[in-house]
Amino acid sequence: MNFCRRVIWLGDLNFRINLSYEKTHELIARKEWQRLLENDQLSNEMRKGNVFEGWSEGDLCFPPTYKYELDSENYIGDDSESGKRRPAWCDRVIWKGKGMKLLSYRRNEIKLSDHRPVTATLLAEVEVLSPWKLQRALALTYAEIQSH
């Protein structure tokens, strides 16, 4: 992807939080996102330069997005019958390229899946090509070719 000036990568990247079930739930209950983030696999691997080197992500200031019971506020694993799956920020938006500024990064409370979707609003500088200037440049170039 090095040939692209800007890339936005989004979806279920499937990275997890390296904490116990109990500790993860304790930090979620206290909304200690920074402490959870310190144990987030993607953040740690990006910081080390092992994955997505040179890419950016907004601050994760929302609860983990996975794994929920359908149409519920409960994480799967909150019920002893369903096992103990740890919540995680599996769903991410990351980007690479110059001239990009994050305006918002949030999770959405849509309950149709075992994930909560995330959205990012990015402002991107783009090159605007004037059709008139392009035509003029091409005409000059063509004239130069004809003169040789």
N, C-alpha and C. Protein backbone atom coordinates (compact mmCIF):
# COMPACT_ATOMS: atom_id res chain seq x y z
N MET A 1 0.81 -1.20 0.00
CA MET A 1 0.00 0.00 0.00
C MET A 1 0.85 1.26 0.00
N ASN A 2 2.13 1.12 -0.15
CA ASN A 2 2.99 2.29 -0.14
C ASN A 2 2.79 3.19 -1.35
N PHE A 3 2.08 2.70 -2.38
CA PHE A 3 1.83 3.52 -3.55
C PHE A 3 0.64 4.47 -3.34
N CYS A 4 -0.10 4.30 -2.26
CA CYS A 4 -1.26 5.15 -1.97
C CYS A 4 -0.83 6.34 -1.12
N ARG A 5 -1.40 7.50 -1.40
CA ARG A 5 -1.10 8.68 -0.59
C ARG A 5 -1.80 8.65 0.76
N ARG A 6 -3.00 8.12 0.76
CA ARG A 6 -3.79 8.02 1.99
C ARG A 6 -4.54 6.70 1.98
N VAL A 7 -4.57 6.05 3.15
CA VAL A 7 -5.29 4.78 3.29
C VAL A 7 -6.05 4.82 4.60
N ILE A 8 -7.30 4.40 4.56
CA ILE A 8 -8.11 4.23 5.77
C ILE A 8 -8.46 2.75 5.85
N TRP A 9 -8.14 2.13 6.96
CA TRP A 9 -8.37 0.70 7.17
C TRP A 9 -9.35 0.59 8.33
N LEU A 10 -10.46 -0.10 8.11
CA LEU A 10 -11.45 -0.20 9.17
C LEU A 10 -12.11 -1.56 9.17
N GLY A 11 -12.59 -1.95 10.35
CA GLY A 11 -13.30 -3.21 10.48
C GLY A 11 -12.91 -3.94 11.74
N ASP A 12 -13.23 -5.22 11.76
CA ASP A 12 -12.90 -6.08 12.89
C ASP A 12 -11.46 -6.55 12.71
N LEU A 13 -10.54 -5.89 13.38
CA LEU A 13 -9.12 -6.24 13.26
C LEU A 13 -8.74 -7.38 14.20
N ASN A 14 -9.66 -7.73 15.11
CA ASN A 14 -9.55 -8.93 15.95
C ASN A 14 -8.38 -8.91 16.93
N PHE A 15 -7.93 -7.73 17.35
CA PHE A 15 -6.93 -7.64 18.41
C PHE A 15 -7.66 -7.63 19.75
N ARG A 16 -7.01 -8.12 20.79
CA ARG A 16 -7.65 -8.31 22.10
C ARG A 16 -6.95 -7.51 23.18
N ILE A 17 -7.46 -7.62 24.39
CA ILE A 17 -6.88 -6.97 25.58
C ILE A 17 -6.24 -8.06 26.42
N ASN A 18 -4.98 -7.88 26.76
CA ASN A 18 -4.22 -8.88 27.52
C ASN A 18 -4.41 -8.71 29.02
N LEU A 19 -5.61 -8.92 29.47
CA LEU A 19 -5.94 -8.90 30.90
C LEU A 19 -6.89 -10.05 31.19
N SER A 20 -6.99 -10.38 32.45
CA SER A 20 -7.93 -11.43 32.84
C SER A 20 -9.37 -10.96 32.64
N TYR A 21 -10.27 -11.90 32.59
CA TYR A 21 -11.70 -11.62 32.49
C TYR A 21 -12.13 -10.67 33.60
N GLU A 22 -11.75 -10.99 34.82
CA GLU A 22 -12.16 -10.20 35.99
C GLU A 22 -11.61 -8.79 35.93
N LYS A 23 -10.31 -8.65 35.62
CA LYS A 23 -9.68 -7.33 35.58
C LYS A 23 -10.26 -6.49 34.45
N THR A 24 -10.51 -7.10 33.31
CA THR A 24 -11.10 -6.37 32.18
C THR A 24 -12.46 -5.80 32.56
N HIS A 25 -13.30 -6.62 33.17
CA HIS A 25 -14.63 -6.15 33.57
C HIS A 25 -14.56 -5.10 34.67
N GLU A 26 -13.62 -5.24 35.56
CA GLU A 26 -13.44 -4.25 36.63
C GLU A 26 -13.09 -2.88 36.04
N LEU A 27 -12.17 -2.85 35.10
CA LEU A 27 -11.76 -1.58 34.48
C LEU A 27 -12.87 -0.99 33.61
N ILE A 28 -13.65 -1.84 32.95
CA ILE A 28 -14.79 -1.35 32.17
C ILE A 28 -15.81 -0.71 33.10
N ALA A 29 -16.11 -1.36 34.20
CA ALA A 29 -17.09 -0.82 35.16
C ALA A 29 -16.66 0.55 35.68
N ARG A 30 -15.35 0.76 35.82
CA ARG A 30 -14.83 2.04 36.32
C ARG A 30 -14.50 3.01 35.19
N LYS A 31 -14.76 2.59 33.94
CA LYS A 31 -14.49 3.40 32.75
C LYS A 31 -13.04 3.86 32.68
N GLU A 32 -12.15 2.96 33.03
CA GLU A 32 -10.71 3.24 32.99
C GLU A 32 -10.14 2.80 31.64
N TRP A 33 -10.52 3.57 30.62
CA TRP A 33 -10.13 3.22 29.26
C TRP A 33 -8.62 3.22 29.08
N GLN A 34 -7.93 4.16 29.72
CA GLN A 34 -6.47 4.23 29.57
C GLN A 34 -5.79 2.98 30.11
N ARG A 35 -6.25 2.49 31.24
CA ARG A 35 -5.65 1.26 31.80
C ARG A 35 -5.92 0.06 30.90
N LEU A 36 -7.11 0.01 30.31
CA LEU A 36 -7.40 -1.06 29.35
C LEU A 36 -6.50 -0.91 28.12
N LEU A 37 -6.35 0.32 27.66
CA LEU A 37 -5.56 0.59 26.46
C LEU A 37 -4.10 0.18 26.64
N GLU A 38 -3.59 0.31 27.84
CA GLU A 38 -2.20 -0.10 28.12
C GLU A 38 -2.00 -1.59 27.85
N ASN A 39 -3.08 -2.35 27.84
CA ASN A 39 -3.01 -3.79 27.62
C ASN A 39 -3.64 -4.21 26.30
N ASP A 40 -3.94 -3.24 25.46
CA ASP A 40 -4.55 -3.51 24.16
C ASP A 40 -3.48 -3.99 23.18
N GLN A 41 -3.71 -5.14 22.56
CA GLN A 41 -2.72 -5.74 21.67
C GLN A 41 -2.37 -4.85 20.48
N LEU A 42 -3.38 -4.29 19.81
CA LEU A 42 -3.09 -3.47 18.64
C LEU A 42 -2.27 -2.24 19.02
N SER A 43 -2.69 -1.53 20.05
CA SER A 43 -1.95 -0.33 20.46
C SER A 43 -0.50 -0.66 20.80
N ASN A 44 -0.30 -1.74 21.53
CA ASN A 44 1.06 -2.12 21.92
C ASN A 44 1.90 -2.53 20.72
N GLU A 45 1.32 -3.28 19.80
CA GLU A 45 2.08 -3.71 18.62
C GLU A 45 2.38 -2.54 17.69
N MET A 46 1.46 -1.59 17.58
CA MET A 46 1.72 -0.39 16.77
C MET A 46 2.83 0.43 17.41
N ARG A 47 2.78 0.60 18.72
CA ARG A 47 3.80 1.37 19.44
C ARG A 47 5.20 0.75 19.25
N LYS A 48 5.27 -0.56 19.24
CA LYS A 48 6.55 -1.27 19.05
C LYS A 48 7.01 -1.26 17.60
N GLY A 49 6.12 -0.89 16.68
CA GLY A 49 6.47 -0.89 15.26
C GLY A 49 6.35 -2.26 14.61
N ASN A 50 5.64 -3.18 15.26
CA ASN A 50 5.49 -4.53 14.72
C ASN A 50 4.38 -4.65 13.68
N VAL A 51 3.36 -3.81 13.79
CA VAL A 51 2.25 -3.81 12.84
C VAL A 51 1.86 -2.37 12.52
N PHE A 52 1.35 -2.15 11.33
CA PHE A 52 0.82 -0.85 10.92
C PHE A 52 1.78 0.30 11.26
N GLU A 53 3.05 0.11 10.94
CA GLU A 53 4.04 1.14 11.24
C GLU A 53 3.72 2.42 10.48
N GLY A 54 3.69 3.53 11.20
CA GLY A 54 3.38 4.82 10.60
C GLY A 54 1.90 5.14 10.50
N TRP A 55 1.05 4.24 10.98
CA TRP A 55 -0.39 4.45 10.95
C TRP A 55 -0.83 5.17 12.22
N SER A 56 -2.02 5.75 12.18
CA SER A 56 -2.58 6.49 13.32
C SER A 56 -3.95 5.94 13.68
N GLU A 57 -4.31 6.18 14.94
CA GLU A 57 -5.65 5.85 15.42
C GLU A 57 -6.04 6.91 16.44
N GLY A 58 -7.32 7.20 16.52
CA GLY A 58 -7.81 8.13 17.52
C GLY A 58 -7.79 7.52 18.91
N ASP A 59 -8.06 8.35 19.91
CA ASP A 59 -8.13 7.87 21.29
C ASP A 59 -9.35 6.99 21.48
N LEU A 60 -9.16 5.88 22.16
CA LEU A 60 -10.27 4.98 22.49
C LEU A 60 -10.88 5.44 23.81
N CYS A 61 -11.89 6.27 23.72
CA CYS A 61 -12.56 6.83 24.90
C CYS A 61 -13.98 6.28 25.01
N PHE A 62 -14.10 5.00 24.74
CA PHE A 62 -15.40 4.34 24.78
C PHE A 62 -15.18 2.89 25.18
N PRO A 63 -16.24 2.23 25.64
CA PRO A 63 -16.10 0.83 26.07
C PRO A 63 -15.69 -0.09 24.92
N PRO A 64 -15.07 -1.21 25.24
CA PRO A 64 -14.74 -2.19 24.21
C PRO A 64 -15.98 -2.55 23.38
N THR A 65 -15.74 -2.87 22.13
CA THR A 65 -16.83 -3.04 21.16
C THR A 65 -17.25 -4.49 20.95
N TYR A 66 -16.64 -5.42 21.66
CA TYR A 66 -16.89 -6.84 21.41
C TYR A 66 -16.79 -7.59 22.72
N LYS A 67 -17.42 -8.56 23.02
CA LYS A 67 -18.44 -9.34 22.35
C LYS A 67 -19.71 -9.25 23.18
N TYR A 68 -20.78 -8.78 22.54
CA TYR A 68 -22.05 -8.54 23.21
C TYR A 68 -23.08 -9.62 22.90
N GLU A 69 -24.00 -9.77 23.83
CA GLU A 69 -25.21 -10.54 23.54
C GLU A 69 -26.02 -9.71 22.55
N LEU A 70 -26.70 -10.37 21.62
CA LEU A 70 -27.51 -9.63 20.64
C LEU A 70 -28.60 -8.83 21.34
N ASP A 71 -28.79 -7.61 20.84
CA ASP A 71 -29.83 -6.71 21.34
C ASP A 71 -29.73 -6.52 22.85
N SER A 72 -28.52 -6.33 23.35
CA SER A 72 -28.30 -6.25 24.79
C SER A 72 -27.12 -5.33 25.10
N GLU A 73 -27.08 -4.87 26.34
CA GLU A 73 -25.94 -4.10 26.85
C GLU A 73 -24.93 -5.01 27.52
N ASN A 74 -25.20 -6.30 27.58
CA ASN A 74 -24.35 -7.24 28.30
C ASN A 74 -23.31 -7.87 27.39
N TYR A 75 -22.10 -7.90 27.90
CA TYR A 75 -21.05 -8.63 27.19
C TYR A 75 -21.33 -10.12 27.33
N ILE A 76 -21.02 -10.89 26.29
CA ILE A 76 -21.10 -12.35 26.41
C ILE A 76 -20.03 -12.75 27.39
N GLY A 77 -20.38 -13.64 28.26
CA GLY A 77 -19.45 -14.02 29.33
C GLY A 77 -19.88 -13.44 30.65
N ASP A 78 -20.79 -12.45 30.60
CA ASP A 78 -21.34 -11.91 31.83
C ASP A 78 -22.27 -12.93 32.48
N ASP A 79 -22.69 -13.90 31.70
CA ASP A 79 -23.54 -14.98 32.19
C ASP A 79 -22.66 -16.23 32.30
N SER A 80 -22.64 -16.83 33.45
CA SER A 80 -21.75 -17.98 33.67
C SER A 80 -22.04 -19.14 32.73
N GLU A 81 -23.25 -19.22 32.18
CA GLU A 81 -23.59 -20.31 31.26
C GLU A 81 -22.97 -20.13 29.88
N SER A 82 -22.60 -18.92 29.51
CA SER A 82 -22.09 -18.68 28.15
C SER A 82 -20.57 -18.65 28.07
N GLY A 83 -19.89 -18.93 29.14
CA GLY A 83 -18.42 -18.93 29.11
C GLY A 83 -17.87 -17.58 29.49
N LYS A 84 -16.55 -17.48 29.53
CA LYS A 84 -15.91 -16.24 29.97
C LYS A 84 -15.07 -15.64 28.86
N ARG A 85 -15.71 -14.99 27.93
CA ARG A 85 -15.01 -14.30 26.84
C ARG A 85 -14.73 -12.87 27.29
N ARG A 86 -13.49 -12.44 27.14
CA ARG A 86 -13.12 -11.09 27.56
C ARG A 86 -13.51 -10.05 26.51
N PRO A 87 -14.09 -8.94 26.92
CA PRO A 87 -14.38 -7.86 25.98
C PRO A 87 -13.08 -7.31 25.38
N ALA A 88 -13.19 -6.72 24.20
CA ALA A 88 -12.02 -6.14 23.53
C ALA A 88 -12.46 -5.08 22.52
N TRP A 89 -11.49 -4.24 22.15
CA TRP A 89 -11.70 -3.28 21.06
C TRP A 89 -11.29 -3.95 19.76
N CYS A 90 -12.11 -4.85 19.28
CA CYS A 90 -11.79 -5.54 18.01
C CYS A 90 -12.02 -4.62 16.82
N ASP A 91 -12.98 -3.73 16.93
CA ASP A 91 -13.44 -2.90 15.82
C ASP A 91 -12.70 -1.57 15.84
N ARG A 92 -11.97 -1.29 14.76
CA ARG A 92 -11.07 -0.14 14.77
C ARG A 92 -11.11 0.60 13.43
N VAL A 93 -10.67 1.86 13.48
CA VAL A 93 -10.44 2.66 12.28
C VAL A 93 -9.03 3.23 12.43
N ILE A 94 -8.15 2.88 11.50
CA ILE A 94 -6.79 3.42 11.50
C ILE A 94 -6.52 4.01 10.12
N TRP A 95 -5.54 4.90 10.04
CA TRP A 95 -5.25 5.55 8.77
C TRP A 95 -3.77 5.87 8.65
N LYS A 96 -3.38 6.08 7.40
CA LYS A 96 -2.00 6.43 7.10
C LYS A 96 -2.02 7.43 5.96
N GLY A 97 -1.22 8.46 6.07
CA GLY A 97 -1.11 9.45 5.00
C GLY A 97 -1.05 10.86 5.54
N LYS A 98 -0.54 11.73 4.71
CA LYS A 98 -0.41 13.14 5.10
C LYS A 98 -1.72 13.87 4.86
N GLY A 99 -1.90 14.95 5.61
CA GLY A 99 -3.05 15.80 5.40
C GLY A 99 -4.36 15.23 5.91
N MET A 100 -4.28 14.35 6.91
CA MET A 100 -5.51 13.78 7.47
C MET A 100 -5.62 14.18 8.94
N LYS A 101 -6.81 14.64 9.31
CA LYS A 101 -7.04 15.08 10.69
C LYS A 101 -8.31 14.41 11.21
N LEU A 102 -8.20 13.80 12.38
CA LEU A 102 -9.35 13.14 12.99
C LEU A 102 -10.26 14.17 13.64
N LEU A 103 -11.53 14.14 13.29
CA LEU A 103 -12.52 15.04 13.90
C LEU A 103 -13.30 14.33 15.00
N SER A 104 -13.60 13.05 14.81
CA SER A 104 -14.28 12.28 15.86
C SER A 104 -14.00 10.80 15.68
N TYR A 105 -14.03 10.09 16.81
CA TYR A 105 -13.83 8.64 16.81
C TYR A 105 -14.71 8.12 17.92
N ARG A 106 -15.72 7.34 17.57
CA ARG A 106 -16.67 6.91 18.59
C ARG A 106 -17.27 5.56 18.25
N ARG A 107 -17.88 5.00 19.23
CA ARG A 107 -18.59 3.75 19.04
C ARG A 107 -20.07 4.10 18.94
N ASN A 108 -20.79 3.30 18.18
CA ASN A 108 -22.22 3.52 17.98
C ASN A 108 -23.01 2.43 18.68
N GLU A 109 -24.11 2.80 19.25
CA GLU A 109 -24.91 1.87 20.06
C GLU A 109 -25.95 1.15 19.20
N ILE A 110 -25.48 0.50 18.17
CA ILE A 110 -26.33 -0.32 17.30
C ILE A 110 -26.18 -1.75 17.77
N LYS A 111 -27.29 -2.41 18.09
CA LYS A 111 -27.26 -3.70 18.77
C LYS A 111 -27.66 -4.87 17.88
N LEU A 112 -27.35 -4.81 16.60
CA LEU A 112 -27.75 -5.86 15.67
C LEU A 112 -26.72 -6.97 15.55
N SER A 113 -25.62 -6.85 16.26
CA SER A 113 -24.51 -7.79 16.13
C SER A 113 -23.89 -8.01 17.51
N ASP A 114 -22.92 -8.91 17.59
CA ASP A 114 -22.19 -9.07 18.84
C ASP A 114 -21.06 -8.04 18.95
N HIS A 115 -20.96 -7.16 17.94
CA HIS A 115 -20.01 -6.04 17.95
C HIS A 115 -20.79 -4.74 18.03
N ARG A 116 -20.15 -3.69 18.54
CA ARG A 116 -20.67 -2.33 18.44
C ARG A 116 -19.80 -1.64 17.39
N PRO A 117 -20.42 -1.13 16.33
CA PRO A 117 -19.62 -0.49 15.27
C PRO A 117 -18.97 0.80 15.75
N VAL A 118 -17.84 1.12 15.15
CA VAL A 118 -17.16 2.38 15.44
C VAL A 118 -17.17 3.23 14.17
N THR A 119 -17.15 4.53 14.36
CA THR A 119 -17.05 5.45 13.24
C THR A 119 -15.96 6.47 13.52
N ALA A 120 -15.33 6.89 12.47
CA ALA A 120 -14.34 7.96 12.55
C ALA A 120 -14.71 8.99 11.49
N THR A 121 -14.60 10.25 11.86
CA THR A 121 -14.77 11.32 10.90
C THR A 121 -13.40 11.94 10.69
N LEU A 122 -12.93 11.89 9.46
CA LEU A 122 -11.61 12.40 9.12
C LEU A 122 -11.73 13.55 8.13
N LEU A 123 -10.90 14.55 8.31
CA LEU A 123 -10.79 15.64 7.35
C LEU A 123 -9.52 15.36 6.55
N ALA A 124 -9.65 15.29 5.24
CA ALA A 124 -8.50 14.97 4.39
C ALA A 124 -8.25 16.10 3.40
N GLU A 125 -7.01 16.55 3.36
CA GLU A 125 -6.62 17.51 2.34
C GLU A 125 -6.48 16.75 1.03
N VAL A 126 -7.04 17.31 -0.02
CA VAL A 126 -6.94 16.66 -1.33
C VAL A 126 -6.44 17.67 -2.35
N GLU A 127 -5.82 17.16 -3.37
CA GLU A 127 -5.35 18.01 -4.45
C GLU A 127 -6.52 18.23 -5.41
N VAL A 128 -6.78 19.48 -5.73
CA VAL A 128 -7.84 19.80 -6.67
C VAL A 128 -7.19 20.20 -7.98
N LEU A 129 -7.56 19.53 -9.02
CA LEU A 129 -6.99 19.79 -10.33
C LEU A 129 -7.97 20.64 -11.13
N SER A 130 -7.51 21.78 -11.55
CA SER A 130 -8.35 22.65 -12.36
C SER A 130 -8.35 22.14 -13.81
N PRO A 131 -9.52 21.83 -14.35
CA PRO A 131 -9.57 21.35 -15.75
C PRO A 131 -8.95 22.35 -16.73
N TRP A 132 -9.14 23.65 -16.47
CA TRP A 132 -8.58 24.68 -17.36
C TRP A 132 -7.05 24.65 -17.31
N LYS A 133 -6.48 24.55 -16.08
CA LYS A 133 -5.02 24.51 -15.95
C LYS A 133 -4.45 23.24 -16.56
N LEU A 134 -5.15 22.14 -16.41
CA LEU A 134 -4.70 20.89 -17.00
C LEU A 134 -4.68 21.01 -18.53
N GLN A 135 -5.75 21.54 -19.11
CA GLN A 135 -5.84 21.70 -20.56
C GLN A 135 -4.72 22.61 -21.06
N ARG A 136 -4.46 23.69 -20.32
CA ARG A 136 -3.40 24.63 -20.70
C ARG A 136 -2.04 23.95 -20.65
N ALA A 137 -1.77 23.19 -19.58
CA ALA A 137 -0.49 22.50 -19.44
C ALA A 137 -0.31 21.48 -20.56
N LEU A 138 -1.36 20.75 -20.87
CA LEU A 138 -1.27 19.76 -21.95
C LEU A 138 -1.04 20.44 -23.30
N ALA A 139 -1.69 21.57 -23.53
CA ALA A 139 -1.52 22.30 -24.79
C ALA A 139 -0.09 22.81 -24.91
N LEU A 140 0.45 23.34 -23.82
CA LEU A 140 1.83 23.83 -23.85
C LEU A 140 2.79 22.68 -24.10
N THR A 141 2.56 21.57 -23.45
CA THR A 141 3.42 20.41 -23.64
C THR A 141 3.34 19.92 -25.08
N TYR A 142 2.15 19.88 -25.64
CA TYR A 142 1.96 19.43 -27.02
C TYR A 142 2.67 20.39 -27.97
N ALA A 143 2.55 21.70 -27.71
CA ALA A 143 3.21 22.70 -28.55
C ALA A 143 4.72 22.54 -28.48
N GLU A 144 5.24 22.25 -27.28
CA GLU A 144 6.68 22.04 -27.14
C GLU A 144 7.13 20.83 -27.93
N ILE A 145 6.34 19.78 -27.90
CA ILE A 145 6.67 18.57 -28.65
C ILE A 145 6.68 18.87 -30.15
N GLN A 146 5.71 19.63 -30.63
CA GLN A 146 5.60 19.97 -32.05
C GLN A 146 6.76 20.84 -32.51
N SER A 147 7.29 21.66 -31.60
CA SER A 147 8.38 22.56 -31.99
C SER A 147 9.72 21.85 -32.13
N HIS A 148 9.82 20.63 -31.64
CA HIS A 148 11.09 19.90 -31.73
C HIS A 148 11.09 19.07 -32.92
